[in-house]
Amino acid sequence: LVRPVARKKLIDYKLPDSIVGRLEN
């Protein structure tokens, strides 16, 4: 049996705005 040990949101990775903007647009 395997279960996930973590669930994150993108904000948890503390990405610069430029990278978030690239992923979004």
PDBML (XML) file of the C-alpha atoms, coordinates in Angstrom:
<?xml version="1.0" encoding="UTF-8" ?>
<PDBx:datablock datablockName="MODEL"
   xmlns:PDBx="http://pdbml.pdb.org/schema/pdbx-v50.xsd"
   xmlns:xsi="http://www.w3.org/2001/XMLSchema-instance"
   xsi:schemaLocation="http://pdbml.pdb.org/schema/pdbx-v50.xsd pdbx-v50.xsd">
   <PDBx:atom_siteCategory>
      <PDBx:atom_site id="1">
         <PDBx:B_iso_or_equiv>0.00</PDBx:B_iso_or_equiv>
         <PDBx:Cartn_x>0.000</PDBx:Cartn_x>
         <PDBx:Cartn_y>0.000</PDBx:Cartn_y>
         <PDBx:Cartn_z>0.000</PDBx:Cartn_z>
         <PDBx:auth_asym_id>A</PDBx:auth_asym_id>
         <PDBx:auth_atom_id>CA</PDBx:auth_atom_id>
         <PDBx:auth_comp_id>LEU</PDBx:auth_comp_id>
         <PDBx:auth_seq_id>1</PDBx:auth_seq_id>
         <PDBx:group_PDB>ATOM</PDBx:group_PDB>
         <PDBx:label_alt_id xsi:nil="true" />
         <PDBx:label_asym_id>A</PDBx:label_asym_id>
         <PDBx:label_atom_id>CA</PDBx:label_atom_id>
         <PDBx:label_comp_id>LEU</PDBx:label_comp_id>
         <PDBx:label_entity_id>1</PDBx:label_entity_id>
         <PDBx:label_seq_id>1</PDBx:label_seq_id>
         <PDBx:occupancy>1.00</PDBx:occupancy>
         <PDBx:pdbx_PDB_model_num>1</PDBx:pdbx_PDB_model_num>
         <PDBx:type_symbol>C</PDBx:type_symbol>
      </PDBx:atom_site>
      <PDBx:atom_site id="2">
         <PDBx:B_iso_or_equiv>0.00</PDBx:B_iso_or_equiv>
         <PDBx:Cartn_x>1.376</PDBx:Cartn_x>
         <PDBx:Cartn_y>3.403</PDBx:Cartn_y>
         <PDBx:Cartn_z>-1.005</PDBx:Cartn_z>
         <PDBx:auth_asym_id>A</PDBx:auth_asym_id>
         <PDBx:auth_atom_id>CA</PDBx:auth_atom_id>
         <PDBx:auth_comp_id>VAL</PDBx:auth_comp_id>
         <PDBx:auth_seq_id>2</PDBx:auth_seq_id>
         <PDBx:group_PDB>ATOM</PDBx:group_PDB>
         <PDBx:label_alt_id xsi:nil="true" />
         <PDBx:label_asym_id>A</PDBx:label_asym_id>
         <PDBx:label_atom_id>CA</PDBx:label_atom_id>
         <PDBx:label_comp_id>VAL</PDBx:label_comp_id>
         <PDBx:label_entity_id>1</PDBx:label_entity_id>
         <PDBx:label_seq_id>2</PDBx:label_seq_id>
         <PDBx:occupancy>1.00</PDBx:occupancy>
         <PDBx:pdbx_PDB_model_num>1</PDBx:pdbx_PDB_model_num>
         <PDBx:type_symbol>C</PDBx:type_symbol>
      </PDBx:atom_site>
      <PDBx:atom_site id="3">
         <PDBx:B_iso_or_equiv>0.00</PDBx:B_iso_or_equiv>
         <PDBx:Cartn_x>-0.138</PDBx:Cartn_x>
         <PDBx:Cartn_y>6.739</PDBx:Cartn_y>
         <PDBx:Cartn_z>-0.104</PDBx:Cartn_z>
         <PDBx:auth_asym_id>A</PDBx:auth_asym_id>
         <PDBx:auth_atom_id>CA</PDBx:auth_atom_id>
         <PDBx:auth_comp_id>ARG</PDBx:auth_comp_id>
         <PDBx:auth_seq_id>3</PDBx:auth_seq_id>
         <PDBx:group_PDB>ATOM</PDBx:group_PDB>
         <PDBx:label_alt_id xsi:nil="true" />
         <PDBx:label_asym_id>A</PDBx:label_asym_id>
         <PDBx:label_atom_id>CA</PDBx:label_atom_id>
         <PDBx:label_comp_id>ARG</PDBx:label_comp_id>
         <PDBx:label_entity_id>1</PDBx:label_entity_id>
         <PDBx:label_seq_id>3</PDBx:label_seq_id>
         <PDBx:occupancy>1.00</PDBx:occupancy>
         <PDBx:pdbx_PDB_model_num>1</PDBx:pdbx_PDB_model_num>
         <PDBx:type_symbol>C</PDBx:type_symbol>
      </PDBx:atom_site>
      <PDBx:atom_site id="4">
         <PDBx:B_iso_or_equiv>0.00</PDBx:B_iso_or_equiv>
         <PDBx:Cartn_x>1.066</PDBx:Cartn_x>
         <PDBx:Cartn_y>10.301</PDBx:Cartn_y>
         <PDBx:Cartn_z>-0.821</PDBx:Cartn_z>
         <PDBx:auth_asym_id>A</PDBx:auth_asym_id>
         <PDBx:auth_atom_id>CA</PDBx:auth_atom_id>
         <PDBx:auth_comp_id>PRO</PDBx:auth_comp_id>
         <PDBx:auth_seq_id>4</PDBx:auth_seq_id>
         <PDBx:group_PDB>ATOM</PDBx:group_PDB>
         <PDBx:label_alt_id xsi:nil="true" />
         <PDBx:label_asym_id>A</PDBx:label_asym_id>
         <PDBx:label_atom_id>CA</PDBx:label_atom_id>
         <PDBx:label_comp_id>PRO</PDBx:label_comp_id>
         <PDBx:label_entity_id>1</PDBx:label_entity_id>
         <PDBx:label_seq_id>4</PDBx:label_seq_id>
         <PDBx:occupancy>1.00</PDBx:occupancy>
         <PDBx:pdbx_PDB_model_num>1</PDBx:pdbx_PDB_model_num>
         <PDBx:type_symbol>C</PDBx:type_symbol>
      </PDBx:atom_site>
      <PDBx:atom_site id="5">
         <PDBx:B_iso_or_equiv>0.00</PDBx:B_iso_or_equiv>
         <PDBx:Cartn_x>3.081</PDBx:Cartn_x>
         <PDBx:Cartn_y>11.942</PDBx:Cartn_y>
         <PDBx:Cartn_z>1.942</PDBx:Cartn_z>
         <PDBx:auth_asym_id>A</PDBx:auth_asym_id>
         <PDBx:auth_atom_id>CA</PDBx:auth_atom_id>
         <PDBx:auth_comp_id>VAL</PDBx:auth_comp_id>
         <PDBx:auth_seq_id>5</PDBx:auth_seq_id>
         <PDBx:group_PDB>ATOM</PDBx:group_PDB>
         <PDBx:label_alt_id xsi:nil="true" />
         <PDBx:label_asym_id>A</PDBx:label_asym_id>
         <PDBx:label_atom_id>CA</PDBx:label_atom_id>
         <PDBx:label_comp_id>VAL</PDBx:label_comp_id>
         <PDBx:label_entity_id>1</PDBx:label_entity_id>
         <PDBx:label_seq_id>5</PDBx:label_seq_id>
         <PDBx:occupancy>1.00</PDBx:occupancy>
         <PDBx:pdbx_PDB_model_num>1</PDBx:pdbx_PDB_model_num>
         <PDBx:type_symbol>C</PDBx:type_symbol>
      </PDBx:atom_site>
      <PDBx:atom_site id="6">
         <PDBx:B_iso_or_equiv>0.00</PDBx:B_iso_or_equiv>
         <PDBx:Cartn_x>2.652</PDBx:Cartn_x>
         <PDBx:Cartn_y>15.557</PDBx:Cartn_y>
         <PDBx:Cartn_z>0.814</PDBx:Cartn_z>
         <PDBx:auth_asym_id>A</PDBx:auth_asym_id>
         <PDBx:auth_atom_id>CA</PDBx:auth_atom_id>
         <PDBx:auth_comp_id>ALA</PDBx:auth_comp_id>
         <PDBx:auth_seq_id>6</PDBx:auth_seq_id>
         <PDBx:group_PDB>ATOM</PDBx:group_PDB>
         <PDBx:label_alt_id xsi:nil="true" />
         <PDBx:label_asym_id>A</PDBx:label_asym_id>
         <PDBx:label_atom_id>CA</PDBx:label_atom_id>
         <PDBx:label_comp_id>ALA</PDBx:label_comp_id>
         <PDBx:label_entity_id>1</PDBx:label_entity_id>
         <PDBx:label_seq_id>6</PDBx:label_seq_id>
         <PDBx:occupancy>1.00</PDBx:occupancy>
         <PDBx:pdbx_PDB_model_num>1</PDBx:pdbx_PDB_model_num>
         <PDBx:type_symbol>C</PDBx:type_symbol>
      </PDBx:atom_site>
      <PDBx:atom_site id="7">
         <PDBx:B_iso_or_equiv>0.00</PDBx:B_iso_or_equiv>
         <PDBx:Cartn_x>0.299</PDBx:Cartn_x>
         <PDBx:Cartn_y>17.781</PDBx:Cartn_y>
         <PDBx:Cartn_z>-1.131</PDBx:Cartn_z>
         <PDBx:auth_asym_id>A</PDBx:auth_asym_id>
         <PDBx:auth_atom_id>CA</PDBx:auth_atom_id>
         <PDBx:auth_comp_id>ARG</PDBx:auth_comp_id>
         <PDBx:auth_seq_id>7</PDBx:auth_seq_id>
         <PDBx:group_PDB>ATOM</PDBx:group_PDB>
         <PDBx:label_alt_id xsi:nil="true" />
         <PDBx:label_asym_id>A</PDBx:label_asym_id>
         <PDBx:label_atom_id>CA</PDBx:label_atom_id>
         <PDBx:label_comp_id>ARG</PDBx:label_comp_id>
         <PDBx:label_entity_id>1</PDBx:label_entity_id>
         <PDBx:label_seq_id>7</PDBx:label_seq_id>
         <PDBx:occupancy>1.00</PDBx:occupancy>
         <PDBx:pdbx_PDB_model_num>1</PDBx:pdbx_PDB_model_num>
         <PDBx:type_symbol>C</PDBx:type_symbol>
      </PDBx:atom_site>
      <PDBx:atom_site id="8">
         <PDBx:B_iso_or_equiv>0.00</PDBx:B_iso_or_equiv>
         <PDBx:Cartn_x>1.481</PDBx:Cartn_x>
         <PDBx:Cartn_y>21.229</PDBx:Cartn_y>
         <PDBx:Cartn_z>-2.129</PDBx:Cartn_z>
         <PDBx:auth_asym_id>A</PDBx:auth_asym_id>
         <PDBx:auth_atom_id>CA</PDBx:auth_atom_id>
         <PDBx:auth_comp_id>LYS</PDBx:auth_comp_id>
         <PDBx:auth_seq_id>8</PDBx:auth_seq_id>
         <PDBx:group_PDB>ATOM</PDBx:group_PDB>
         <PDBx:label_alt_id xsi:nil="true" />
         <PDBx:label_asym_id>A</PDBx:label_asym_id>
         <PDBx:label_atom_id>CA</PDBx:label_atom_id>
         <PDBx:label_comp_id>LYS</PDBx:label_comp_id>
         <PDBx:label_entity_id>1</PDBx:label_entity_id>
         <PDBx:label_seq_id>8</PDBx:label_seq_id>
         <PDBx:occupancy>1.00</PDBx:occupancy>
         <PDBx:pdbx_PDB_model_num>1</PDBx:pdbx_PDB_model_num>
         <PDBx:type_symbol>C</PDBx:type_symbol>
      </PDBx:atom_site>
      <PDBx:atom_site id="9">
         <PDBx:B_iso_or_equiv>0.00</PDBx:B_iso_or_equiv>
         <PDBx:Cartn_x>0.119</PDBx:Cartn_x>
         <PDBx:Cartn_y>24.321</PDBx:Cartn_y>
         <PDBx:Cartn_z>-3.793</PDBx:Cartn_z>
         <PDBx:auth_asym_id>A</PDBx:auth_asym_id>
         <PDBx:auth_atom_id>CA</PDBx:auth_atom_id>
         <PDBx:auth_comp_id>LYS</PDBx:auth_comp_id>
         <PDBx:auth_seq_id>9</PDBx:auth_seq_id>
         <PDBx:group_PDB>ATOM</PDBx:group_PDB>
         <PDBx:label_alt_id xsi:nil="true" />
         <PDBx:label_asym_id>A</PDBx:label_asym_id>
         <PDBx:label_atom_id>CA</PDBx:label_atom_id>
         <PDBx:label_comp_id>LYS</PDBx:label_comp_id>
         <PDBx:label_entity_id>1</PDBx:label_entity_id>
         <PDBx:label_seq_id>9</PDBx:label_seq_id>
         <PDBx:occupancy>1.00</PDBx:occupancy>
         <PDBx:pdbx_PDB_model_num>1</PDBx:pdbx_PDB_model_num>
         <PDBx:type_symbol>C</PDBx:type_symbol>
      </PDBx:atom_site>
      <PDBx:atom_site id="10">
         <PDBx:B_iso_or_equiv>0.00</PDBx:B_iso_or_equiv>
         <PDBx:Cartn_x>2.121</PDBx:Cartn_x>
         <PDBx:Cartn_y>26.212</PDBx:Cartn_y>
         <PDBx:Cartn_z>-6.396</PDBx:Cartn_z>
         <PDBx:auth_asym_id>A</PDBx:auth_asym_id>
         <PDBx:auth_atom_id>CA</PDBx:auth_atom_id>
         <PDBx:auth_comp_id>LEU</PDBx:auth_comp_id>
         <PDBx:auth_seq_id>10</PDBx:auth_seq_id>
         <PDBx:group_PDB>ATOM</PDBx:group_PDB>
         <PDBx:label_alt_id xsi:nil="true" />
         <PDBx:label_asym_id>A</PDBx:label_asym_id>
         <PDBx:label_atom_id>CA</PDBx:label_atom_id>
         <PDBx:label_comp_id>LEU</PDBx:label_comp_id>
         <PDBx:label_entity_id>1</PDBx:label_entity_id>
         <PDBx:label_seq_id>10</PDBx:label_seq_id>
         <PDBx:occupancy>1.00</PDBx:occupancy>
         <PDBx:pdbx_PDB_model_num>1</PDBx:pdbx_PDB_model_num>
         <PDBx:type_symbol>C</PDBx:type_symbol>
      </PDBx:atom_site>
      <PDBx:atom_site id="11">
         <PDBx:B_iso_or_equiv>0.00</PDBx:B_iso_or_equiv>
         <PDBx:Cartn_x>2.564</PDBx:Cartn_x>
         <PDBx:Cartn_y>29.080</PDBx:Cartn_y>
         <PDBx:Cartn_z>-3.937</PDBx:Cartn_z>
         <PDBx:auth_asym_id>A</PDBx:auth_asym_id>
         <PDBx:auth_atom_id>CA</PDBx:auth_atom_id>
         <PDBx:auth_comp_id>ILE</PDBx:auth_comp_id>
         <PDBx:auth_seq_id>11</PDBx:auth_seq_id>
         <PDBx:group_PDB>ATOM</PDBx:group_PDB>
         <PDBx:label_alt_id xsi:nil="true" />
         <PDBx:label_asym_id>A</PDBx:label_asym_id>
         <PDBx:label_atom_id>CA</PDBx:label_atom_id>
         <PDBx:label_comp_id>ILE</PDBx:label_comp_id>
         <PDBx:label_entity_id>1</PDBx:label_entity_id>
         <PDBx:label_seq_id>11</PDBx:label_seq_id>
         <PDBx:occupancy>1.00</PDBx:occupancy>
         <PDBx:pdbx_PDB_model_num>1</PDBx:pdbx_PDB_model_num>
         <PDBx:type_symbol>C</PDBx:type_symbol>
      </PDBx:atom_site>
      <PDBx:atom_site id="12">
         <PDBx:B_iso_or_equiv>0.00</PDBx:B_iso_or_equiv>
         <PDBx:Cartn_x>4.439</PDBx:Cartn_x>
         <PDBx:Cartn_y>26.694</PDBx:Cartn_y>
         <PDBx:Cartn_z>-1.605</PDBx:Cartn_z>
         <PDBx:auth_asym_id>A</PDBx:auth_asym_id>
         <PDBx:auth_atom_id>CA</PDBx:auth_atom_id>
         <PDBx:auth_comp_id>ASP</PDBx:auth_comp_id>
         <PDBx:auth_seq_id>12</PDBx:auth_seq_id>
         <PDBx:group_PDB>ATOM</PDBx:group_PDB>
         <PDBx:label_alt_id xsi:nil="true" />
         <PDBx:label_asym_id>A</PDBx:label_asym_id>
         <PDBx:label_atom_id>CA</PDBx:label_atom_id>
         <PDBx:label_comp_id>ASP</PDBx:label_comp_id>
         <PDBx:label_entity_id>1</PDBx:label_entity_id>
         <PDBx:label_seq_id>12</PDBx:label_seq_id>
         <PDBx:occupancy>1.00</PDBx:occupancy>
         <PDBx:pdbx_PDB_model_num>1</PDBx:pdbx_PDB_model_num>
         <PDBx:type_symbol>C</PDBx:type_symbol>
      </PDBx:atom_site>
      <PDBx:atom_site id="13">
         <PDBx:B_iso_or_equiv>0.00</PDBx:B_iso_or_equiv>
         <PDBx:Cartn_x>7.307</PDBx:Cartn_x>
         <PDBx:Cartn_y>26.531</PDBx:Cartn_y>
         <PDBx:Cartn_z>-4.113</PDBx:Cartn_z>
         <PDBx:auth_asym_id>A</PDBx:auth_asym_id>
         <PDBx:auth_atom_id>CA</PDBx:auth_atom_id>
         <PDBx:auth_comp_id>TYR</PDBx:auth_comp_id>
         <PDBx:auth_seq_id>13</PDBx:auth_seq_id>
         <PDBx:group_PDB>ATOM</PDBx:group_PDB>
         <PDBx:label_alt_id xsi:nil="true" />
         <PDBx:label_asym_id>A</PDBx:label_asym_id>
         <PDBx:label_atom_id>CA</PDBx:label_atom_id>
         <PDBx:label_comp_id>TYR</PDBx:label_comp_id>
         <PDBx:label_entity_id>1</PDBx:label_entity_id>
         <PDBx:label_seq_id>13</PDBx:label_seq_id>
         <PDBx:occupancy>1.00</PDBx:occupancy>
         <PDBx:pdbx_PDB_model_num>1</PDBx:pdbx_PDB_model_num>
         <PDBx:type_symbol>C</PDBx:type_symbol>
      </PDBx:atom_site>
      <PDBx:atom_site id="14">
         <PDBx:B_iso_or_equiv>0.00</PDBx:B_iso_or_equiv>
         <PDBx:Cartn_x>7.908</PDBx:Cartn_x>
         <PDBx:Cartn_y>30.301</PDBx:Cartn_y>
         <PDBx:Cartn_z>-3.673</PDBx:Cartn_z>
         <PDBx:auth_asym_id>A</PDBx:auth_asym_id>
         <PDBx:auth_atom_id>CA</PDBx:auth_atom_id>
         <PDBx:auth_comp_id>LYS</PDBx:auth_comp_id>
         <PDBx:auth_seq_id>14</PDBx:auth_seq_id>
         <PDBx:group_PDB>ATOM</PDBx:group_PDB>
         <PDBx:label_alt_id xsi:nil="true" />
         <PDBx:label_asym_id>A</PDBx:label_asym_id>
         <PDBx:label_atom_id>CA</PDBx:label_atom_id>
         <PDBx:label_comp_id>LYS</PDBx:label_comp_id>
         <PDBx:label_entity_id>1</PDBx:label_entity_id>
         <PDBx:label_seq_id>14</PDBx:label_seq_id>
         <PDBx:occupancy>1.00</PDBx:occupancy>
         <PDBx:pdbx_PDB_model_num>1</PDBx:pdbx_PDB_model_num>
         <PDBx:type_symbol>C</PDBx:type_symbol>
      </PDBx:atom_site>
      <PDBx:atom_site id="15">
         <PDBx:B_iso_or_equiv>0.00</PDBx:B_iso_or_equiv>
         <PDBx:Cartn_x>8.435</PDBx:Cartn_x>
         <PDBx:Cartn_y>30.883</PDBx:Cartn_y>
         <PDBx:Cartn_z>-7.373</PDBx:Cartn_z>
         <PDBx:auth_asym_id>A</PDBx:auth_asym_id>
         <PDBx:auth_atom_id>CA</PDBx:auth_atom_id>
         <PDBx:auth_comp_id>LEU</PDBx:auth_comp_id>
         <PDBx:auth_seq_id>15</PDBx:auth_seq_id>
         <PDBx:group_PDB>ATOM</PDBx:group_PDB>
         <PDBx:label_alt_id xsi:nil="true" />
         <PDBx:label_asym_id>A</PDBx:label_asym_id>
         <PDBx:label_atom_id>CA</PDBx:label_atom_id>
         <PDBx:label_comp_id>LEU</PDBx:label_comp_id>
         <PDBx:label_entity_id>1</PDBx:label_entity_id>
         <PDBx:label_seq_id>15</PDBx:label_seq_id>
         <PDBx:occupancy>1.00</PDBx:occupancy>
         <PDBx:pdbx_PDB_model_num>1</PDBx:pdbx_PDB_model_num>
         <PDBx:type_symbol>C</PDBx:type_symbol>
      </PDBx:atom_site>
      <PDBx:atom_site id="16">
         <PDBx:B_iso_or_equiv>0.00</PDBx:B_iso_or_equiv>
         <PDBx:Cartn_x>9.382</PDBx:Cartn_x>
         <PDBx:Cartn_y>34.320</PDBx:Cartn_y>
         <PDBx:Cartn_z>-8.716</PDBx:Cartn_z>
         <PDBx:auth_asym_id>A</PDBx:auth_asym_id>
         <PDBx:auth_atom_id>CA</PDBx:auth_atom_id>
         <PDBx:auth_comp_id>PRO</PDBx:auth_comp_id>
         <PDBx:auth_seq_id>16</PDBx:auth_seq_id>
         <PDBx:group_PDB>ATOM</PDBx:group_PDB>
         <PDBx:label_alt_id xsi:nil="true" />
         <PDBx:label_asym_id>A</PDBx:label_asym_id>
         <PDBx:label_atom_id>CA</PDBx:label_atom_id>
         <PDBx:label_comp_id>PRO</PDBx:label_comp_id>
         <PDBx:label_entity_id>1</PDBx:label_entity_id>
         <PDBx:label_seq_id>16</PDBx:label_seq_id>
         <PDBx:occupancy>1.00</PDBx:occupancy>
         <PDBx:pdbx_PDB_model_num>1</PDBx:pdbx_PDB_model_num>
         <PDBx:type_symbol>C</PDBx:type_symbol>
      </PDBx:atom_site>
      <PDBx:atom_site id="17">
         <PDBx:B_iso_or_equiv>0.00</PDBx:B_iso_or_equiv>
         <PDBx:Cartn_x>6.599</PDBx:Cartn_x>
         <PDBx:Cartn_y>36.209</PDBx:Cartn_y>
         <PDBx:Cartn_z>-10.465</PDBx:Cartn_z>
         <PDBx:auth_asym_id>A</PDBx:auth_asym_id>
         <PDBx:auth_atom_id>CA</PDBx:auth_atom_id>
         <PDBx:auth_comp_id>ASP</PDBx:auth_comp_id>
         <PDBx:auth_seq_id>17</PDBx:auth_seq_id>
         <PDBx:group_PDB>ATOM</PDBx:group_PDB>
         <PDBx:label_alt_id xsi:nil="true" />
         <PDBx:label_asym_id>A</PDBx:label_asym_id>
         <PDBx:label_atom_id>CA</PDBx:label_atom_id>
         <PDBx:label_comp_id>ASP</PDBx:label_comp_id>
         <PDBx:label_entity_id>1</PDBx:label_entity_id>
         <PDBx:label_seq_id>17</PDBx:label_seq_id>
         <PDBx:occupancy>1.00</PDBx:occupancy>
         <PDBx:pdbx_PDB_model_num>1</PDBx:pdbx_PDB_model_num>
         <PDBx:type_symbol>C</PDBx:type_symbol>
      </PDBx:atom_site>
      <PDBx:atom_site id="18">
         <PDBx:B_iso_or_equiv>0.00</PDBx:B_iso_or_equiv>
         <PDBx:Cartn_x>8.389</PDBx:Cartn_x>
         <PDBx:Cartn_y>35.825</PDBx:Cartn_y>
         <PDBx:Cartn_z>-13.807</PDBx:Cartn_z>
         <PDBx:auth_asym_id>A</PDBx:auth_asym_id>
         <PDBx:auth_atom_id>CA</PDBx:auth_atom_id>
         <PDBx:auth_comp_id>SER</PDBx:auth_comp_id>
         <PDBx:auth_seq_id>18</PDBx:auth_seq_id>
         <PDBx:group_PDB>ATOM</PDBx:group_PDB>
         <PDBx:label_alt_id xsi:nil="true" />
         <PDBx:label_asym_id>A</PDBx:label_asym_id>
         <PDBx:label_atom_id>CA</PDBx:label_atom_id>
         <PDBx:label_comp_id>SER</PDBx:label_comp_id>
         <PDBx:label_entity_id>1</PDBx:label_entity_id>
         <PDBx:label_seq_id>18</PDBx:label_seq_id>
         <PDBx:occupancy>1.00</PDBx:occupancy>
         <PDBx:pdbx_PDB_model_num>1</PDBx:pdbx_PDB_model_num>
         <PDBx:type_symbol>C</PDBx:type_symbol>
      </PDBx:atom_site>
      <PDBx:atom_site id="19">
         <PDBx:B_iso_or_equiv>0.00</PDBx:B_iso_or_equiv>
         <PDBx:Cartn_x>8.223</PDBx:Cartn_x>
         <PDBx:Cartn_y>32.015</PDBx:Cartn_y>
         <PDBx:Cartn_z>-13.591</PDBx:Cartn_z>
         <PDBx:auth_asym_id>A</PDBx:auth_asym_id>
         <PDBx:auth_atom_id>CA</PDBx:auth_atom_id>
         <PDBx:auth_comp_id>ILE</PDBx:auth_comp_id>
         <PDBx:auth_seq_id>19</PDBx:auth_seq_id>
         <PDBx:group_PDB>ATOM</PDBx:group_PDB>
         <PDBx:label_alt_id xsi:nil="true" />
         <PDBx:label_asym_id>A</PDBx:label_asym_id>
         <PDBx:label_atom_id>CA</PDBx:label_atom_id>
         <PDBx:label_comp_id>ILE</PDBx:label_comp_id>
         <PDBx:label_entity_id>1</PDBx:label_entity_id>
         <PDBx:label_seq_id>19</PDBx:label_seq_id>
         <PDBx:occupancy>1.00</PDBx:occupancy>
         <PDBx:pdbx_PDB_model_num>1</PDBx:pdbx_PDB_model_num>
         <PDBx:type_symbol>C</PDBx:type_symbol>
      </PDBx:atom_site>
      <PDBx:atom_site id="20">
         <PDBx:B_iso_or_equiv>0.00</PDBx:B_iso_or_equiv>
         <PDBx:Cartn_x>4.580</PDBx:Cartn_x>
         <PDBx:Cartn_y>32.012</PDBx:Cartn_y>
         <PDBx:Cartn_z>-12.446</PDBx:Cartn_z>
         <PDBx:auth_asym_id>A</PDBx:auth_asym_id>
         <PDBx:auth_atom_id>CA</PDBx:auth_atom_id>
         <PDBx:auth_comp_id>VAL</PDBx:auth_comp_id>
         <PDBx:auth_seq_id>20</PDBx:auth_seq_id>
         <PDBx:group_PDB>ATOM</PDBx:group_PDB>
         <PDBx:label_alt_id xsi:nil="true" />
         <PDBx:label_asym_id>A</PDBx:label_asym_id>
         <PDBx:label_atom_id>CA</PDBx:label_atom_id>
         <PDBx:label_comp_id>VAL</PDBx:label_comp_id>
         <PDBx:label_entity_id>1</PDBx:label_entity_id>
         <PDBx:label_seq_id>20</PDBx:label_seq_id>
         <PDBx:occupancy>1.00</PDBx:occupancy>
         <PDBx:pdbx_PDB_model_num>1</PDBx:pdbx_PDB_model_num>
         <PDBx:type_symbol>C</PDBx:type_symbol>
      </PDBx:atom_site>
      <PDBx:atom_site id="21">
         <PDBx:B_iso_or_equiv>0.00</PDBx:B_iso_or_equiv>
         <PDBx:Cartn_x>3.802</PDBx:Cartn_x>
         <PDBx:Cartn_y>34.327</PDBx:Cartn_y>
         <PDBx:Cartn_z>-15.348</PDBx:Cartn_z>
         <PDBx:auth_asym_id>A</PDBx:auth_asym_id>
         <PDBx:auth_atom_id>CA</PDBx:auth_atom_id>
         <PDBx:auth_comp_id>GLY</PDBx:auth_comp_id>
         <PDBx:auth_seq_id>21</PDBx:auth_seq_id>
         <PDBx:group_PDB>ATOM</PDBx:group_PDB>
         <PDBx:label_alt_id xsi:nil="true" />
         <PDBx:label_asym_id>A</PDBx:label_asym_id>
         <PDBx:label_atom_id>CA</PDBx:label_atom_id>
         <PDBx:label_comp_id>GLY</PDBx:label_comp_id>
         <PDBx:label_entity_id>1</PDBx:label_entity_id>
         <PDBx:label_seq_id>21</PDBx:label_seq_id>
         <PDBx:occupancy>1.00</PDBx:occupancy>
         <PDBx:pdbx_PDB_model_num>1</PDBx:pdbx_PDB_model_num>
         <PDBx:type_symbol>C</PDBx:type_symbol>
      </PDBx:atom_site>
      <PDBx:atom_site id="22">
         <PDBx:B_iso_or_equiv>0.00</PDBx:B_iso_or_equiv>
         <PDBx:Cartn_x>5.505</PDBx:Cartn_x>
         <PDBx:Cartn_y>31.968</PDBx:Cartn_y>
         <PDBx:Cartn_z>-17.792</PDBx:Cartn_z>
         <PDBx:auth_asym_id>A</PDBx:auth_asym_id>
         <PDBx:auth_atom_id>CA</PDBx:auth_atom_id>
         <PDBx:auth_comp_id>ARG</PDBx:auth_comp_id>
         <PDBx:auth_seq_id>22</PDBx:auth_seq_id>
         <PDBx:group_PDB>ATOM</PDBx:group_PDB>
         <PDBx:label_alt_id xsi:nil="true" />
         <PDBx:label_asym_id>A</PDBx:label_asym_id>
         <PDBx:label_atom_id>CA</PDBx:label_atom_id>
         <PDBx:label_comp_id>ARG</PDBx:label_comp_id>
         <PDBx:label_entity_id>1</PDBx:label_entity_id>
         <PDBx:label_seq_id>22</PDBx:label_seq_id>
         <PDBx:occupancy>1.00</PDBx:occupancy>
         <PDBx:pdbx_PDB_model_num>1</PDBx:pdbx_PDB_model_num>
         <PDBx:type_symbol>C</PDBx:type_symbol>
      </PDBx:atom_site>
      <PDBx:atom_site id="23">
         <PDBx:B_iso_or_equiv>0.00</PDBx:B_iso_or_equiv>
         <PDBx:Cartn_x>3.574</PDBx:Cartn_x>
         <PDBx:Cartn_y>28.964</PDBx:Cartn_y>
         <PDBx:Cartn_z>-16.463</PDBx:Cartn_z>
         <PDBx:auth_asym_id>A</PDBx:auth_asym_id>
         <PDBx:auth_atom_id>CA</PDBx:auth_atom_id>
         <PDBx:auth_comp_id>LEU</PDBx:auth_comp_id>
         <PDBx:auth_seq_id>23</PDBx:auth_seq_id>
         <PDBx:group_PDB>ATOM</PDBx:group_PDB>
         <PDBx:label_alt_id xsi:nil="true" />
         <PDBx:label_asym_id>A</PDBx:label_asym_id>
         <PDBx:label_atom_id>CA</PDBx:label_atom_id>
         <PDBx:label_comp_id>LEU</PDBx:label_comp_id>
         <PDBx:label_entity_id>1</PDBx:label_entity_id>
         <PDBx:label_seq_id>23</PDBx:label_seq_id>
         <PDBx:occupancy>1.00</PDBx:occupancy>
         <PDBx:pdbx_PDB_model_num>1</PDBx:pdbx_PDB_model_num>
         <PDBx:type_symbol>C</PDBx:type_symbol>
      </PDBx:atom_site>
      <PDBx:atom_site id="24">
         <PDBx:B_iso_or_equiv>0.00</PDBx:B_iso_or_equiv>
         <PDBx:Cartn_x>0.319</PDBx:Cartn_x>
         <PDBx:Cartn_y>30.913</PDBx:Cartn_y>
         <PDBx:Cartn_z>-16.653</PDBx:Cartn_z>
         <PDBx:auth_asym_id>A</PDBx:auth_asym_id>
         <PDBx:auth_atom_id>CA</PDBx:auth_atom_id>
         <PDBx:auth_comp_id>GLU</PDBx:auth_comp_id>
         <PDBx:auth_seq_id>24</PDBx:auth_seq_id>
         <PDBx:group_PDB>ATOM</PDBx:group_PDB>
         <PDBx:label_alt_id xsi:nil="true" />
         <PDBx:label_asym_id>A</PDBx:label_asym_id>
         <PDBx:label_atom_id>CA</PDBx:label_atom_id>
         <PDBx:label_comp_id>GLU</PDBx:label_comp_id>
         <PDBx:label_entity_id>1</PDBx:label_entity_id>
         <PDBx:label_seq_id>24</PDBx:label_seq_id>
         <PDBx:occupancy>1.00</PDBx:occupancy>
         <PDBx:pdbx_PDB_model_num>1</PDBx:pdbx_PDB_model_num>
         <PDBx:type_symbol>C</PDBx:type_symbol>
      </PDBx:atom_site>
      <PDBx:atom_site id="25">
         <PDBx:B_iso_or_equiv>0.00</PDBx:B_iso_or_equiv>
         <PDBx:Cartn_x>0.693</PDBx:Cartn_x>
         <PDBx:Cartn_y>32.623</PDBx:Cartn_y>
         <PDBx:Cartn_z>-20.018</PDBx:Cartn_z>
         <PDBx:auth_asym_id>A</PDBx:auth_asym_id>
         <PDBx:auth_atom_id>CA</PDBx:auth_atom_id>
         <PDBx:auth_comp_id>ASN</PDBx:auth_comp_id>
         <PDBx:auth_seq_id>25</PDBx:auth_seq_id>
         <PDBx:group_PDB>ATOM</PDBx:group_PDB>
         <PDBx:label_alt_id xsi:nil="true" />
         <PDBx:label_asym_id>A</PDBx:label_asym_id>
         <PDBx:label_atom_id>CA</PDBx:label_atom_id>
         <PDBx:label_comp_id>ASN</PDBx:label_comp_id>
         <PDBx:label_entity_id>1</PDBx:label_entity_id>
         <PDBx:label_seq_id>25</PDBx:label_seq_id>
         <PDBx:occupancy>1.00</PDBx:occupancy>
         <PDBx:pdbx_PDB_model_num>1</PDBx:pdbx_PDB_model_num>
         <PDBx:type_symbol>C</PDBx:type_symbol>
      </PDBx:atom_site>
   </PDBx:atom_siteCategory>
</PDBx:datablock>
